[in-house]
C-alpha atoms as a PDB file:
ATOM      1  CA  MET A   1       7.490 -17.501 -29.195  1.00  0.00           C
ATOM      2  CA  SER A   2      10.843 -15.708 -29.520  1.00  0.00           C
ATOM      3  CA  PHE A   3      13.383 -15.565 -26.709  1.00  0.00           C
ATOM      4  CA  THR A   4      12.672 -11.843 -26.175  1.00  0.00           C
ATOM      5  CA  GLN A   5       8.948 -12.500 -25.883  1.00  0.00           C
ATOM      6  CA  GLU A   6       9.563 -15.306 -23.382  1.00  0.00           C
ATOM      7  CA  VAL A   7      11.748 -13.042 -21.207  1.00  0.00           C
ATOM      8  CA  LYS A   8       9.116 -10.299 -21.281  1.00  0.00           C
ATOM      9  CA  GLN A   9       6.425 -12.825 -20.319  1.00  0.00           C
ATOM     10  CA  ILE A  10       8.485 -14.001 -17.336  1.00  0.00           C
ATOM     11  CA  LEU A  11       9.278 -10.454 -16.185  1.00  0.00           C
ATOM     12  CA  ARG A  12       5.594  -9.460 -16.279  1.00  0.00           C
ATOM     13  CA  GLY A  13       4.884 -12.088 -13.623  1.00  0.00           C
ATOM     14  CA  ASN A  14       7.573 -10.856 -11.215  1.00  0.00           C
ATOM     15  CA  VAL A  15       6.469  -9.388  -7.921  1.00  0.00           C
ATOM     16  CA  ARG A  16       8.177  -6.131  -7.003  1.00  0.00           C
ATOM     17  CA  THR A  17       8.280  -4.514  -3.573  1.00  0.00           C
ATOM     18  CA  VAL A  18       8.680  -0.875  -2.627  1.00  0.00           C
ATOM     19  CA  LEU A  19       9.694  -0.079   0.947  1.00  0.00           C
ATOM     20  CA  ARG A  20       9.190   3.381   2.402  1.00  0.00           C
ATOM     21  CA  PRO A  21      11.647   4.149   5.221  1.00  0.00           C
ATOM     22  CA  ALA A  22      10.229   4.730   8.713  1.00  0.00           C
ATOM     23  CA  GLU A  23       8.769   8.201   9.012  1.00  0.00           C
ATOM     24  CA  VAL A  24       6.677  10.203  11.477  1.00  0.00           C
ATOM     25  CA  TYR A  25       3.203  10.909  10.073  1.00  0.00           C
ATOM     26  CA  LEU A  26       0.983  13.677  11.421  1.00  0.00           C
ATOM     27  CA  ALA A  27      -2.815  13.924  11.255  1.00  0.00           C
ATOM     28  CA  VAL A  28      -3.003  14.857   7.568  1.00  0.00           C
ATOM     29  CA  ALA A  29      -3.093  13.178   4.140  1.00  0.00           C
ATOM     30  CA  ASN A  30       0.309  11.810   3.069  1.00  0.00           C
ATOM     31  CA  THR A  31       1.073  10.479  -0.396  1.00  0.00           C
ATOM     32  CA  ILE A  32       3.150   7.394   0.434  1.00  0.00           C
ATOM     33  CA  PHE A  33       3.538   5.848  -3.043  1.00  0.00           C
ATOM     34  CA  VAL A  34       2.765   6.847  -6.605  1.00  0.00           C
ATOM     35  CA  VAL A  35       1.925   4.613  -9.586  1.00  0.00           C
ATOM     36  CA  ARG A  36       3.465   5.819 -12.843  1.00  0.00           C
ATOM     37  CA  GLY A  37       3.490   4.668 -16.452  1.00  0.00           C
ATOM     38  CA  GLY A  38       0.442   2.402 -16.442  1.00  0.00           C
ATOM     39  CA  ALA A  39      -1.473  -0.037 -14.292  1.00  0.00           C
ATOM     40  CA  VAL A  40      -0.247  -2.310 -11.505  1.00  0.00           C
ATOM     41  CA  GLU A  41      -1.894  -5.001  -9.426  1.00  0.00           C
ATOM     42  CA  ILE A  42      -1.324  -4.248  -5.736  1.00  0.00           C
ATOM     43  CA  LEU A  43      -0.737  -7.574  -4.012  1.00  0.00           C
ATOM     44  CA  SER A  44       0.140  -6.422  -0.499  1.00  0.00           C
ATOM     45  CA  LEU A  45       0.046  -3.064   1.289  1.00  0.00           C
ATOM     46  CA  GLY A  46       0.810  -2.412   4.900  1.00  0.00           C
ATOM     47  CA  ALA A  47       3.071  -0.896   7.520  1.00  0.00           C
ATOM     48  CA  ILE A  48       5.114  -1.761  10.573  1.00  0.00           C
ATOM     49  CA  VAL A  49       5.042   0.421  13.705  1.00  0.00           C
ATOM     50  CA  THR A  50       8.604   1.580  14.403  1.00  0.00           C
ATOM     51  CA  ALA A  51       7.846   3.913  17.357  1.00  0.00           C
ATOM     52  CA  ALA A  52       4.870   4.197  19.700  1.00  0.00           C
ATOM     53  CA  ALA A  53       1.921   6.222  18.359  1.00  0.00           C
ATOM     54  CA  VAL A  54       1.025   9.433  20.158  1.00  0.00           C
ATOM     55  CA  GLY A  55      -2.714   9.407  20.800  1.00  0.00           C
ATOM     56  CA  ALA A  56      -5.352   7.130  19.313  1.00  0.00           C
ATOM     57  CA  THR A  57      -4.204   7.640  15.731  1.00  0.00           C
ATOM     58  CA  GLN A  58      -6.423   6.333  12.939  1.00  0.00           C
ATOM     59  CA  ILE A  59      -5.473   5.624   9.335  1.00  0.00           C
ATOM     60  CA  ARG A  60      -7.353   5.522   6.044  1.00  0.00           C
ATOM     61  CA  ILE A  61      -5.520   4.449   2.853  1.00  0.00           C
ATOM     62  CA  THR A  62      -6.704   5.161  -0.693  1.00  0.00           C
ATOM     63  CA  ALA A  63      -5.402   4.166  -4.128  1.00  0.00           C
ATOM     64  CA  ASN A  64      -6.400   6.658  -6.831  1.00  0.00           C
ATOM     65  CA  GLY A  65      -9.059   7.930  -4.428  1.00  0.00           C
ATOM     66  CA  VAL A  66     -10.584   4.462  -3.822  1.00  0.00           C
ATOM     67  CA  ASN A  67     -10.557   3.222  -0.224  1.00  0.00           C
ATOM     68  CA  THR A  68      -8.434   0.126   0.374  1.00  0.00           C
ATOM     69  CA  ASP A  69     -10.529  -0.749   3.463  1.00  0.00           C
ATOM     70  CA  ALA A  70     -14.089  -0.086   4.663  1.00  0.00           C
ATOM     71  CA  ALA A  71     -13.238   2.491   7.336  1.00  0.00           C
ATOM     72  CA  ALA A  72     -10.482   4.304   9.188  1.00  0.00           C
ATOM     73  CA  VAL A  73      -8.948   2.042  11.832  1.00  0.00           C
ATOM     74  CA  ALA A  74      -7.050   2.844  15.054  1.00  0.00           C
ATOM     75  CA  ILE A  75      -3.345   2.060  14.664  1.00  0.00           C
ATOM     76  CA  ASN A  76      -2.079   2.556  18.196  1.00  0.00           C
ATOM     77  CA  GLY A  77      -0.351  -0.824  18.459  1.00  0.00           C
ATOM     78  CA  ALA A  78       2.998  -1.480  20.097  1.00  0.00           C
ATOM     79  CA  VAL A  79       6.321  -1.187  18.282  1.00  0.00           C
ATOM     80  CA  GLY A  80       6.568  -4.098  15.842  1.00  0.00           C
ATOM     81  CA  THR A  81       2.804  -4.293  15.241  1.00  0.00           C
ATOM     82  CA  VAL A  82       1.875  -4.900  11.603  1.00  0.00           C
ATOM     83  CA  PHE A  83      -0.970  -3.167   9.765  1.00  0.00           C
ATOM     84  CA  TYR A  84      -2.158  -5.043   6.689  1.00  0.00           C
ATOM     85  CA  SER A  85      -4.638  -3.545   4.220  1.00  0.00           C
ATOM     86  CA  SER A  86      -7.439  -5.806   3.038  1.00  0.00           C
ATOM     87  CA  LEU A  87      -7.346  -4.106  -0.415  1.00  0.00           C
ATOM     88  CA  ASN A  88     -11.119  -4.443  -0.362  1.00  0.00           C
ATOM     89  CA  VAL A  89     -13.526  -1.506   0.021  1.00  0.00           C
ATOM     90  CA  ALA A  90     -15.704  -3.722   2.229  1.00  0.00           C
ATOM     91  CA  GLY A  91     -12.793  -5.227   4.208  1.00  0.00           C
ATOM     92  CA  THR A  92     -10.988  -4.262   7.392  1.00  0.00           C
ATOM     93  CA  LEU A  93      -7.406  -3.141   7.935  1.00  0.00           C
ATOM     94  CA  ILE A  94      -5.820  -5.817  10.124  1.00  0.00           C
ATOM     95  CA  GLN A  95      -3.679  -4.815  13.113  1.00  0.00           C
ATOM     96  CA  ALA A  96      -1.710  -7.630  14.776  1.00  0.00           C
ATOM     97  CA  ALA A  97       1.708  -8.814  15.921  1.00  0.00           C
ATOM     98  CA  ALA A  98       1.655 -11.115  12.864  1.00  0.00           C
ATOM     99  CA  VAL A  99      -0.865 -11.452  10.036  1.00  0.00           C
ATOM    100  CA  PRO A 100      -1.522 -14.888   8.548  1.00  0.00           C
ATOM    101  CA  ILE A 101      -2.215 -14.762   4.820  1.00  0.00           C
ATOM    102  CA  THR A 102      -5.257 -16.947   4.197  1.00  0.00           C
ATOM    103  CA  VAL A 103      -7.894 -17.256   1.507  1.00  0.00           C
ATOM    104  CA  ALA A 104      -9.965 -14.713   3.473  1.00  0.00           C
ATOM    105  CA  THR A 105      -7.143 -12.121   3.433  1.00  0.00           C
ATOM    106  CA  ILE A 106      -5.973 -12.572  -0.177  1.00  0.00           C
ATOM    107  CA  THR A 107      -7.431  -9.715  -2.185  1.00  0.00           C
ATOM    108  CA  THR A 108      -5.675  -7.565  -4.769  1.00  0.00           C
ATOM    109  CA  MET A 109      -6.423  -4.115  -6.171  1.00  0.00           C
ATOM    110  CA  ILE A 110      -5.724  -2.669  -9.612  1.00  0.00           C
ATOM    111  CA  CYS A 111      -4.351   0.879  -9.633  1.00  0.00           C
ATOM    112  CA  GLY A 112      -3.267   2.828 -12.675  1.00  0.00           C
ATOM    113  CA  GLY A 113      -1.211   5.850 -13.467  1.00  0.00           C
ATOM    114  CA  GLN A 114      -1.773   7.148 -16.958  1.00  0.00           C
ATOM    115  CA  PRO A 115       1.312   8.073 -19.021  1.00  0.00           C
ATOM    116  CA  ALA A 116      -0.280  11.281 -20.343  1.00  0.00           C
ATOM    117  CA  ALA A 117      -2.384  12.144 -17.298  1.00  0.00           C
ATOM    118  CA  ALA A 118      -2.075  12.233 -13.526  1.00  0.00           C
ATOM    119  CA  ASP A 119      -0.155   9.614 -11.572  1.00  0.00           C
ATOM    120  CA  GLY A 120      -1.971   7.117  -9.359  1.00  0.00           C
ATOM    121  CA  ASP A 121      -1.465   8.363  -5.815  1.00  0.00           C
ATOM    122  CA  ILE A 122      -1.584   5.977  -2.862  1.00  0.00           C
ATOM    123  CA  VAL A 123      -2.430   8.154   0.121  1.00  0.00           C
ATOM    124  CA  ALA A 124      -2.466   7.435   3.852  1.00  0.00           C
ATOM    125  CA  THR A 125      -4.649   9.866   5.792  1.00  0.00           C
ATOM    126  CA  PHE A 126      -4.080  10.013   9.525  1.00  0.00           C
ATOM    127  CA  THR A 127      -6.849  11.351  11.755  1.00  0.00           C
ATOM    128  CA  VAL A 128      -7.758  11.759  15.417  1.00  0.00           C
ATOM    129  CA  GLY A 129      -4.313  11.230  16.996  1.00  0.00           C
ATOM    130  CA  THR A 130      -1.190  13.332  17.052  1.00  0.00           C
ATOM    131  CA  SER A 131       1.365  11.189  15.231  1.00  0.00           C
ATOM    132  CA  ALA A 132       2.443   7.696  14.197  1.00  0.00           C
ATOM    133  CA  THR A 133       5.850   6.382  13.089  1.00  0.00           C
ATOM    134  CA  LEU A 134       5.499   3.711  10.420  1.00  0.00           C
ATOM    135  CA  GLN A 135       7.473   1.924   7.721  1.00  0.00           C
ATOM    136  CA  PHE A 136       5.217   1.187   4.714  1.00  0.00           C
ATOM    137  CA  TRP A 137       5.607  -1.536   2.107  1.00  0.00           C
ATOM    138  CA  LEU A 138       3.777  -2.251  -1.133  1.00  0.00           C
ATOM    139  CA  ALA A 139       4.158  -5.396  -3.252  1.00  0.00           C
ATOM    140  CA  TYR A 140       2.880  -5.243  -6.811  1.00  0.00           C
ATOM    141  CA  ARG A 141       2.875  -6.828 -10.243  1.00  0.00           C
ATOM    142  CA  GLN A 142       3.131  -4.768 -13.427  1.00  0.00           C
ATOM    143  CA  LEU A 143       0.148  -4.843 -15.775  1.00  0.00           C
ATOM    144  CA  SER A 144       1.715  -2.394 -18.221  1.00  0.00           C
ATOM    145  CA  PRO A 145       5.284  -2.596 -19.552  1.00  0.00           C
ATOM    146  CA  ARG A 146       6.344   0.789 -18.130  1.00  0.00           C
ATOM    147  CA  ALA A 147       4.280   0.751 -14.938  1.00  0.00           C
ATOM    148  CA  SER A 148       6.053   1.208 -11.626  1.00  0.00           C
ATOM    149  CA  VAL A 149       5.363   2.183  -8.039  1.00  0.00           C
ATOM    150  CA  GLN A 150       7.685   4.810  -6.607  1.00  0.00           C
ATOM    151  CA  LEU A 151       8.290   6.747  -3.435  1.00  0.00           C
ATOM    152  CA  VAL A 152       7.188  10.361  -3.495  1.00  0.00           C
END
């Protein structure tokens, strides 16, 4: 294997993280990240509450239209509460002061954005409540050489 091939092999295994600055979200669908240039493996997706929610706000996250959890979940935790997506259509979004990563919570999701077609939108839909202020993160691994996750 050539040196260039070895470097490319190493870089493909790198985990990248995208952090969306804290923002107030209203009871509508919000595109929070977009996958471009190919497929990625989403390793971790969640948010931190940076200001108290107004009302009993619920959230539902999708990647390319596929639910990342089984149902919308109330996210009216205190400032500093973490919301961690199960990345499993049958799983539950976890809300806690801290989330232990265990065998039960390790699930990944493949999401693609096609170079010649539409991007892969990751959308958070807020329902029921008035507003929530959250800072989202997404950790991923590239599955295509040009794939990336970007802020909208």
